[in-house]
Amino acid sequence: MQLKFNASYFYKTLVFFAIEVLIATVLSRIGILRAYVGDILVILLLYCLVLSFVKVKNKDKLLIGIFIFAVVVEVLQYFRIASYLGFSYGSLGYILLGNHFSWEDIVCYAIGCGIAKLFL
């Protein structure tokens, strides 16, 4: 692993981040986008973010690591970790950590990993 800036992945990160913000704000009333597409895109965003700054030899291991990270965050949601850490409803920490465990989210994370492997 070596630190190295990759402009292509950085621009993709910015695009995915902009789409996530759009989904979370303007398009939040469209349930399928908020519930499923956002969870798929967050994997792509994390993947591109890491590859923006780190040269990775084995991208499959990176995807596995990102998937495990996402699942751990999802499990922490089951235990309502945001509330235990003192984040109030609607705060940035509460939004980032999430507040609702869902098996569907884990499926979306796996789909996001598959898309990243095939297309990024």
Protein backbone atom coordinates (compact mmCIF):
# COMPACT_ATOMS: atom_id res chain seq x y z
CA MET A 1 0.00 0.00 0.00
CA GLN A 2 1.37 3.36 -1.03
CA LEU A 3 0.00 6.90 -0.71
CA LYS A 4 -0.58 8.29 -4.18
CA PHE A 5 -3.19 10.76 -5.41
CA ASN A 6 -5.40 9.54 -8.25
CA ALA A 7 -7.41 12.36 -9.80
CA SER A 8 -9.74 10.03 -11.69
CA TYR A 9 -10.92 8.27 -8.55
CA PHE A 10 -11.09 11.60 -6.71
CA TYR A 11 -13.47 13.04 -9.33
CA LYS A 12 -15.59 9.88 -9.11
CA THR A 13 -15.66 10.31 -5.33
CA LEU A 14 -16.95 13.86 -5.73
CA VAL A 15 -19.65 12.72 -8.16
CA PHE A 16 -20.81 9.91 -5.86
CA PHE A 17 -20.78 12.28 -2.89
CA ALA A 18 -22.86 14.85 -4.78
CA ILE A 19 -25.38 12.16 -5.75
CA GLU A 20 -25.57 10.96 -2.13
CA VAL A 21 -26.22 14.51 -0.91
CA LEU A 22 -28.86 14.97 -3.61
CA ILE A 23 -30.57 11.72 -2.58
CA ALA A 24 -30.43 12.64 1.13
CA THR A 25 -31.85 16.12 0.60
CA VAL A 26 -33.77 16.86 -2.58
CA LEU A 27 -34.72 13.31 -3.59
CA SER A 28 -35.35 11.93 -0.10
CA ARG A 29 -39.06 11.52 -0.79
CA ILE A 30 -38.33 8.90 -3.45
CA GLY A 31 -38.12 5.89 -1.15
CA ILE A 32 -36.27 3.51 -3.45
CA LEU A 33 -33.45 6.01 -3.97
CA ARG A 34 -33.04 6.71 -0.28
CA ALA A 35 -33.48 3.11 0.83
CA TYR A 36 -31.49 1.19 -1.75
CA VAL A 37 -29.59 3.30 -4.28
CA GLY A 38 -27.97 5.39 -1.53
CA ASP A 39 -26.68 2.24 0.19
CA ILE A 40 -25.24 0.92 -3.05
CA LEU A 41 -23.62 4.26 -3.87
CA VAL A 42 -22.02 4.62 -0.45
CA ILE A 43 -19.88 1.56 -1.21
CA LEU A 44 -18.81 3.07 -4.52
CA LEU A 45 -18.05 6.35 -2.77
CA LEU A 46 -15.88 4.68 -0.12
CA TYR A 47 -14.09 2.57 -2.73
CA CYS A 48 -13.26 5.60 -4.88
CA LEU A 49 -12.32 7.67 -1.83
CA VAL A 50 -9.71 5.14 -0.72
CA LEU A 51 -8.37 4.75 -4.26
CA SER A 52 -8.14 8.55 -4.56
CA PHE A 53 -5.31 8.58 -2.06
CA VAL A 54 -3.93 5.05 -1.77
CA LYS A 55 -2.44 2.85 -4.45
CA VAL A 56 -3.84 -0.60 -3.71
CA LYS A 57 -2.34 -3.78 -5.14
CA ASN A 58 -5.31 -6.01 -4.44
CA LYS A 59 -8.61 -4.23 -5.04
CA ASP A 60 -10.57 -7.36 -4.12
CA LYS A 61 -9.19 -7.18 -0.59
CA LEU A 62 -10.11 -3.50 -0.48
CA LEU A 63 -13.69 -4.35 -1.46
CA ILE A 64 -13.86 -7.05 1.20
CA GLY A 65 -12.59 -4.55 3.77
CA ILE A 66 -15.13 -1.93 2.73
CA PHE A 67 -17.92 -4.52 2.86
CA ILE A 68 -16.87 -5.63 6.35
CA PHE A 69 -16.70 -2.00 7.48
CA ALA A 70 -20.22 -1.34 6.14
CA VAL A 71 -21.60 -4.46 7.82
CA VAL A 72 -19.97 -3.50 11.14
CA VAL A 73 -21.59 -0.06 10.94
CA GLU A 74 -24.92 -1.74 10.14
CA VAL A 75 -24.58 -4.04 13.17
CA LEU A 76 -23.76 -1.03 15.34
CA GLN A 77 -27.06 0.45 14.15
CA TYR A 78 -28.82 -2.59 15.59
CA PHE A 79 -27.39 -1.65 18.97
CA ARG A 80 -28.35 2.02 18.44
CA ILE A 81 -24.76 3.16 18.87
CA ALA A 82 -25.55 6.72 17.72
CA SER A 83 -27.90 7.19 20.68
CA TYR A 84 -25.41 5.66 23.12
CA LEU A 85 -22.74 8.05 21.86
CA GLY A 86 -25.06 10.96 22.59
CA PHE A 87 -25.88 12.00 19.05
CA SER A 88 -29.28 13.63 18.86
CA TYR A 89 -31.80 12.82 16.16
CA GLY A 90 -30.90 14.64 12.95
CA SER A 91 -27.33 15.47 13.97
CA LEU A 92 -24.48 14.71 11.56
CA GLY A 93 -23.18 11.88 13.76
CA TYR A 94 -26.65 10.38 13.99
CA ILE A 95 -27.07 10.55 10.21
CA LEU A 96 -23.61 9.14 9.42
CA LEU A 97 -23.85 6.25 11.87
CA GLY A 98 -27.45 5.54 11.01
CA ASN A 99 -30.17 4.39 13.32
CA HIS A 100 -31.92 1.39 11.82
CA PHE A 101 -30.51 -2.08 11.17
CA SER A 102 -31.63 -3.66 7.91
CA TRP A 103 -30.69 -6.90 6.16
CA GLU A 104 -31.63 -5.17 2.90
CA ASP A 105 -28.85 -2.64 3.50
CA ILE A 106 -26.30 -5.45 3.75
CA VAL A 107 -27.57 -6.84 0.43
CA CYS A 108 -27.20 -3.36 -1.09
CA TYR A 109 -23.61 -3.18 0.21
CA ALA A 110 -22.85 -6.49 -1.51
CA ILE A 111 -24.41 -5.20 -4.75
CA GLY A 112 -22.29 -2.06 -4.46
CA CYS A 113 -19.16 -4.20 -4.10
CA GLY A 114 -20.13 -6.16 -7.20
CA ILE A 115 -20.68 -2.98 -9.20
CA ALA A 116 -17.35 -1.59 -8.03
CA LYS A 117 -15.57 -4.78 -9.03
CA LEU A 118 -17.17 -4.87 -12.47
CA PHE A 119 -17.14 -1.20 -13.43
CA LEU A 120 -14.60 0.71 -11.35
